[in-house]
């Protein structure tokens, strides 16, 4: 059995990546890889937290 590490990312990870390091138009491979990892279940994201 192979252990697979799963990462849970919040919105800030995506926002900071897009704004500072990996702009969609400059590094599209980063975003494609992120999507592929999400499809494979290696990357997860939290759902927004509702206000009560």
N, C-alpha and C. Protein backbone atom coordinates (compact mmCIF):
# COMPACT_ATOMS: atom_id res chain seq x y z
N UNK A 1 0.84 -1.18 0.00
CA UNK A 1 0.00 0.00 0.00
C UNK A 1 0.89 1.24 0.00
N UNK A 2 0.54 2.20 -0.82
CA UNK A 2 1.30 3.44 -0.92
C UNK A 2 0.53 4.55 -0.22
N UNK A 3 1.20 5.22 0.70
CA UNK A 3 0.58 6.36 1.38
C UNK A 3 0.62 7.57 0.46
N UNK A 4 -0.51 8.23 0.31
CA UNK A 4 -0.60 9.43 -0.51
C UNK A 4 -0.87 10.61 0.42
N UNK A 5 -0.04 11.62 0.32
CA UNK A 5 -0.22 12.81 1.13
C UNK A 5 -1.30 13.68 0.48
N UNK A 6 -2.23 14.14 1.30
CA UNK A 6 -3.29 15.03 0.83
C UNK A 6 -3.10 16.38 1.51
N UNK A 7 -3.15 17.43 0.70
CA UNK A 7 -3.01 18.79 1.20
C UNK A 7 -4.35 19.49 1.18
N UNK A 8 -4.66 20.23 2.24
CA UNK A 8 -5.90 21.00 2.31
C UNK A 8 -5.51 22.48 2.22
N UNK A 9 -6.02 23.14 1.19
CA UNK A 9 -5.66 24.53 0.93
C UNK A 9 -6.87 25.43 1.17
N UNK A 10 -6.63 26.59 1.78
CA UNK A 10 -7.71 27.55 1.97
C UNK A 10 -7.64 28.61 0.87
N UNK A 11 -8.59 29.50 0.87
CA UNK A 11 -8.68 30.51 -0.19
C UNK A 11 -7.44 31.38 -0.28
N UNK A 12 -6.82 31.67 0.84
CA UNK A 12 -5.64 32.53 0.83
C UNK A 12 -4.52 31.95 -0.02
N UNK A 13 -4.37 30.66 -0.04
CA UNK A 13 -3.33 30.02 -0.86
C UNK A 13 -3.56 30.36 -2.33
N UNK A 14 -4.79 30.26 -2.78
CA UNK A 14 -5.10 30.55 -4.18
C UNK A 14 -4.96 32.03 -4.50
N UNK A 15 -5.42 32.88 -3.58
CA UNK A 15 -5.35 34.33 -3.80
C UNK A 15 -3.91 34.80 -3.87
N UNK A 16 -3.10 34.40 -2.91
CA UNK A 16 -1.71 34.82 -2.89
C UNK A 16 -0.94 34.26 -4.08
N UNK A 17 -1.20 33.03 -4.44
CA UNK A 17 -0.53 32.44 -5.60
C UNK A 17 -0.84 33.24 -6.86
N UNK A 18 -2.11 33.57 -7.05
CA UNK A 18 -2.52 34.29 -8.26
C UNK A 18 -1.98 35.73 -8.28
N UNK A 19 -1.96 36.37 -7.14
CA UNK A 19 -1.56 37.77 -7.08
C UNK A 19 -0.04 37.97 -7.06
N UNK A 20 0.68 37.08 -6.41
CA UNK A 20 2.10 37.33 -6.17
C UNK A 20 3.05 36.47 -6.98
N UNK A 21 2.76 35.18 -7.10
CA UNK A 21 3.78 34.27 -7.60
C UNK A 21 3.43 33.59 -8.92
N UNK A 22 2.20 33.19 -9.09
CA UNK A 22 1.82 32.34 -10.22
C UNK A 22 0.62 32.91 -10.96
N UNK A 23 0.76 34.08 -11.54
CA UNK A 23 -0.34 34.69 -12.29
C UNK A 23 -0.84 33.72 -13.36
N UNK A 24 -2.14 33.73 -13.58
CA UNK A 24 -2.75 32.79 -14.52
C UNK A 24 -2.10 32.85 -15.90
N UNK A 25 -1.81 34.05 -16.36
CA UNK A 25 -1.27 34.19 -17.71
C UNK A 25 0.24 33.95 -17.78
N UNK A 26 0.94 34.04 -16.66
CA UNK A 26 2.39 33.83 -16.67
C UNK A 26 2.80 32.39 -16.39
N UNK A 27 2.05 31.70 -15.55
CA UNK A 27 2.41 30.34 -15.16
C UNK A 27 1.18 29.43 -15.23
N UNK A 28 0.61 29.25 -16.41
CA UNK A 28 -0.59 28.41 -16.50
C UNK A 28 -0.33 26.95 -16.12
N UNK A 29 0.90 26.50 -16.25
CA UNK A 29 1.22 25.11 -15.89
C UNK A 29 1.00 24.86 -14.39
N UNK A 30 1.25 25.86 -13.57
CA UNK A 30 1.00 25.72 -12.12
C UNK A 30 -0.46 25.42 -11.87
N UNK A 31 -1.34 26.17 -12.52
CA UNK A 31 -2.78 26.02 -12.30
C UNK A 31 -3.29 24.71 -12.89
N UNK A 32 -2.75 24.30 -14.02
CA UNK A 32 -3.13 23.00 -14.60
C UNK A 32 -2.72 21.86 -13.68
N UNK A 33 -1.50 21.96 -13.12
CA UNK A 33 -1.02 20.93 -12.20
C UNK A 33 -1.87 20.90 -10.93
N UNK A 34 -2.25 22.06 -10.44
CA UNK A 34 -3.10 22.14 -9.25
C UNK A 34 -4.45 21.46 -9.51
N UNK A 35 -5.03 21.73 -10.67
CA UNK A 35 -6.30 21.09 -11.03
C UNK A 35 -6.12 19.58 -11.13
N UNK A 36 -5.05 19.14 -11.74
CA UNK A 36 -4.81 17.69 -11.88
C UNK A 36 -4.65 17.03 -10.52
N UNK A 37 -3.93 17.68 -9.62
CA UNK A 37 -3.78 17.13 -8.26
C UNK A 37 -5.13 17.09 -7.54
N UNK A 38 -5.97 18.08 -7.76
CA UNK A 38 -7.30 18.10 -7.15
C UNK A 38 -8.15 16.95 -7.69
N UNK A 39 -8.09 16.73 -9.00
CA UNK A 39 -8.85 15.63 -9.61
C UNK A 39 -8.41 14.29 -9.02
N UNK A 40 -7.13 14.16 -8.76
CA UNK A 40 -6.58 12.91 -8.21
C UNK A 40 -6.77 12.81 -6.70
N UNK A 41 -7.32 13.84 -6.08
CA UNK A 41 -7.58 13.80 -4.65
C UNK A 41 -6.39 14.14 -3.77
N UNK A 42 -5.32 14.64 -4.35
CA UNK A 42 -4.14 15.01 -3.58
C UNK A 42 -4.23 16.41 -2.99
N UNK A 43 -5.07 17.24 -3.57
CA UNK A 43 -5.28 18.61 -3.08
C UNK A 43 -6.77 18.80 -2.85
N UNK A 44 -7.11 19.28 -1.68
CA UNK A 44 -8.49 19.58 -1.32
C UNK A 44 -8.58 21.04 -0.91
N UNK A 45 -9.77 21.57 -0.94
CA UNK A 45 -9.98 22.94 -0.48
C UNK A 45 -11.17 22.95 0.46
N UNK A 46 -11.11 23.87 1.41
CA UNK A 46 -12.22 23.98 2.36
C UNK A 46 -13.36 24.76 1.71
N UNK A 47 -14.54 24.55 2.21
CA UNK A 47 -15.71 25.32 1.77
C UNK A 47 -15.77 26.58 2.62
N UNK A 48 -16.40 27.59 2.11
CA UNK A 48 -16.48 28.83 2.87
C UNK A 48 -17.27 28.60 4.17
N UNK A 49 -16.95 29.39 5.14
CA UNK A 49 -17.59 29.30 6.45
C UNK A 49 -18.73 30.30 6.48
N UNK A 50 -19.93 29.82 6.79
CA UNK A 50 -21.08 30.71 6.83
C UNK A 50 -21.11 31.53 8.09
N UNK A 51 -21.72 32.68 7.97
CA UNK A 51 -21.89 33.57 9.12
C UNK A 51 -23.24 33.28 9.75
N UNK A 52 -23.25 33.08 11.03
CA UNK A 52 -24.50 32.77 11.73
C UNK A 52 -25.19 34.02 12.21
